[in-house]
Each structure stands twice: as structure tokens, then as C-alpha cells.
């Protein structure tokens, strides 16, 4: 396996990322052995307790399935994307 994970297997992506042709920013990649993949953080729809509601530990426990549900997730590109989701819940 080690022979397939030489630094030269990572070099093409590293060189591309610093080239003038690359327009990417704020990205993370998994690279090795000739395999290249994007790694990302997703934001699930989650659970909204309600505006102004005090949330208990039991509330979190009881809604953990909804909090963790990966259906309909987004990949936020900025804090603005996350804030829009929060604002939508707060505004109704």
C-alpha cells in the first residue's frame, strides 16, 4: 500500500490548487494513491425548538434523530448560508 501513496500521487492536485487556473477557495480534499475526492461539511435542516423557547437536555435527546437526519442537507459556502437557514426558522 505504501508504494501507492508516494508524494507524487498528491502533487498534481497541490500544483493545480496554487495555479492561476484554479478558481477554488475554502475547499478540502482527500488525496492519495491516484484517488481525488472533495471533503465537505454539510448542514442538516435540523430541529428548531421555537423562537425564544428554552431548550432542555431532554429536548435535544428527544429530537436527536431530526438534528442528525442527513436528508435535504446543504453544503454552506459561507457563514451567510448558515445564517439564512437560522433566519428562516426565526422568521417563520
C-alpha atoms as a PDB file:
ATOM      1  CA  UNK A   1       0.000   0.000   0.000  1.00  0.00           C
ATOM      2  CA  UNK A   2       2.787   2.435   0.897  1.00  0.00           C
ATOM      3  CA  UNK A   3       4.201   2.342  -2.621  1.00  0.00           C
ATOM      4  CA  UNK A   4       0.854   3.659  -3.885  1.00  0.00           C
ATOM      5  CA  UNK A   5       0.914   6.620  -1.501  1.00  0.00           C
ATOM      6  CA  UNK A   6       4.037   8.368  -2.751  1.00  0.00           C
ATOM      7  CA  UNK A   7       4.067  12.200  -2.585  1.00  0.00           C
ATOM      8  CA  UNK A   8       3.913  12.258  -6.372  1.00  0.00           C
ATOM      9  CA  UNK A   9       0.326  10.969  -6.163  1.00  0.00           C
ATOM     10  CA  UNK A  10      -0.657  14.196  -4.363  1.00  0.00           C
ATOM     11  CA  UNK A  11       1.475  16.629  -6.355  1.00  0.00           C
ATOM     12  CA  UNK A  12      -0.911  17.156  -9.313  1.00  0.00           C
ATOM     13  CA  UNK A  13      -3.733  18.455  -7.093  1.00  0.00           C
ATOM     14  CA  UNK A  14      -1.360  20.547  -4.974  1.00  0.00           C
ATOM     15  CA  UNK A  15       0.088  22.166  -8.095  1.00  0.00           C
ATOM     16  CA  UNK A  16      -3.354  22.801  -9.571  1.00  0.00           C
ATOM     17  CA  UNK A  17      -4.565  24.444  -6.361  1.00  0.00           C
ATOM     18  CA  UNK A  18      -1.756  27.008  -6.466  1.00  0.00           C
ATOM     19  CA  UNK A  19      -2.020  27.625 -10.206  1.00  0.00           C
ATOM     20  CA  UNK A  20      -3.587  30.677 -11.839  1.00  0.00           C
ATOM     21  CA  UNK A  21      -6.113  28.350 -13.499  1.00  0.00           C
ATOM     22  CA  UNK A  22      -7.604  27.335 -10.138  1.00  0.00           C
ATOM     23  CA  UNK A  23     -10.638  29.348  -9.018  1.00  0.00           C
ATOM     24  CA  UNK A  24     -11.329  27.237  -5.913  1.00  0.00           C
ATOM     25  CA  UNK A  25     -11.137  28.566  -2.388  1.00  0.00           C
ATOM     26  CA  UNK A  26     -12.092  27.192   1.033  1.00  0.00           C
ATOM     27  CA  UNK A  27     -12.089  23.576  -0.132  1.00  0.00           C
ATOM     28  CA  UNK A  28     -10.720  20.403   1.475  1.00  0.00           C
ATOM     29  CA  UNK A  29      -9.644  17.313  -0.435  1.00  0.00           C
ATOM     30  CA  UNK A  30      -8.791  13.693   0.320  1.00  0.00           C
ATOM     31  CA  UNK A  31      -5.965  12.642  -1.959  1.00  0.00           C
ATOM     32  CA  UNK A  32      -3.823   9.543  -2.197  1.00  0.00           C
ATOM     33  CA  UNK A  33      -2.842   6.731  -4.487  1.00  0.00           C
ATOM     34  CA  UNK A  34      -4.319   8.430  -7.549  1.00  0.00           C
ATOM     35  CA  UNK A  35      -7.709   8.987  -5.880  1.00  0.00           C
ATOM     36  CA  UNK A  36      -9.002  12.562  -5.514  1.00  0.00           C
ATOM     37  CA  UNK A  37     -12.168  13.466  -3.606  1.00  0.00           C
ATOM     38  CA  UNK A  38     -13.768  16.551  -2.118  1.00  0.00           C
ATOM     39  CA  UNK A  39     -14.372  16.578   1.641  1.00  0.00           C
ATOM     40  CA  UNK A  40     -17.161  18.851   2.830  1.00  0.00           C
ATOM     41  CA  UNK A  41     -19.206  19.866   5.835  1.00  0.00           C
ATOM     42  CA  UNK A  42     -22.943  19.577   5.397  1.00  0.00           C
ATOM     43  CA  UNK A  43     -25.666  21.393   7.327  1.00  0.00           C
ATOM     44  CA  UNK A  44     -28.807  19.345   8.004  1.00  0.00           C
ATOM     45  CA  UNK A  45     -32.220  21.003   8.272  1.00  0.00           C
ATOM     46  CA  UNK A  46     -32.030  20.094  11.956  1.00  0.00           C
ATOM     47  CA  UNK A  47     -34.656  20.809  14.564  1.00  0.00           C
ATOM     48  CA  UNK A  48     -35.951  24.243  15.579  1.00  0.00           C
ATOM     49  CA  UNK A  49     -37.326  24.419  19.119  1.00  0.00           C
ATOM     50  CA  UNK A  50     -39.238  27.616  18.529  1.00  0.00           C
ATOM     51  CA  UNK A  51     -38.376  31.274  18.868  1.00  0.00           C
ATOM     52  CA  UNK A  52     -37.467  32.184  22.433  1.00  0.00           C
ATOM     53  CA  UNK A  53     -38.022  28.679  23.804  1.00  0.00           C
ATOM     54  CA  UNK A  54     -35.637  27.444  26.495  1.00  0.00           C
ATOM     55  CA  UNK A  55     -34.271  24.102  25.299  1.00  0.00           C
ATOM     56  CA  UNK A  56     -33.559  21.318  27.758  1.00  0.00           C
ATOM     57  CA  UNK A  57     -31.159  18.415  27.539  1.00  0.00           C
ATOM     58  CA  UNK A  58     -34.210  16.175  27.161  1.00  0.00           C
ATOM     59  CA  UNK A  59     -35.416  18.254  24.183  1.00  0.00           C
ATOM     60  CA  UNK A  60     -32.093  17.702  22.441  1.00  0.00           C
ATOM     61  CA  UNK A  61     -32.189  13.975  23.282  1.00  0.00           C
ATOM     62  CA  UNK A  62     -35.761  13.625  22.031  1.00  0.00           C
ATOM     63  CA  UNK A  63     -35.034  15.414  18.742  1.00  0.00           C
ATOM     64  CA  UNK A  64     -31.575  13.981  18.073  1.00  0.00           C
ATOM     65  CA  UNK A  65     -32.862  11.927  15.134  1.00  0.00           C
ATOM     66  CA  UNK A  66     -34.176  15.086  13.466  1.00  0.00           C
ATOM     67  CA  UNK A  67     -30.992  17.001  14.312  1.00  0.00           C
ATOM     68  CA  UNK A  68     -28.845  14.261  12.758  1.00  0.00           C
ATOM     69  CA  UNK A  69     -31.047  13.482   9.718  1.00  0.00           C
ATOM     70  CA  UNK A  70     -28.942  13.991   6.577  1.00  0.00           C
ATOM     71  CA  UNK A  71     -31.870  14.222   4.169  1.00  0.00           C
ATOM     72  CA  UNK A  72     -32.039  17.613   2.455  1.00  0.00           C
ATOM     73  CA  UNK A  73     -28.696  18.849   3.776  1.00  0.00           C
ATOM     74  CA  UNK A  74     -26.908  21.815   2.236  1.00  0.00           C
ATOM     75  CA  UNK A  75     -23.202  22.458   1.844  1.00  0.00           C
ATOM     76  CA  UNK A  76     -22.806  26.004   3.160  1.00  0.00           C
ATOM     77  CA  UNK A  77     -20.280  28.059   1.221  1.00  0.00           C
ATOM     78  CA  UNK A  78     -20.140  30.789   3.861  1.00  0.00           C
ATOM     79  CA  UNK A  79     -21.463  31.791   7.264  1.00  0.00           C
ATOM     80  CA  UNK A  80     -24.132  33.687   5.324  1.00  0.00           C
ATOM     81  CA  UNK A  81     -25.607  30.409   4.053  1.00  0.00           C
ATOM     82  CA  UNK A  82     -25.924  29.125   7.619  1.00  0.00           C
ATOM     83  CA  UNK A  83     -27.347  32.415   8.889  1.00  0.00           C
ATOM     84  CA  UNK A  84     -30.052  32.331   6.186  1.00  0.00           C
ATOM     85  CA  UNK A  85     -31.192  28.924   7.482  1.00  0.00           C
ATOM     86  CA  UNK A  86     -31.332  30.242  11.057  1.00  0.00           C
ATOM     87  CA  UNK A  87     -33.142  33.429   9.974  1.00  0.00           C
ATOM     88  CA  UNK A  88     -35.714  31.375   8.057  1.00  0.00           C
ATOM     89  CA  UNK A  89     -36.549  29.429  11.221  1.00  0.00           C
ATOM     90  CA  UNK A  90     -36.684  32.557  13.363  1.00  0.00           C
ATOM     91  CA  UNK A  91     -38.848  34.477  10.904  1.00  0.00           C
ATOM     92  CA  UNK A  92     -41.216  31.564  10.352  1.00  0.00           C
END
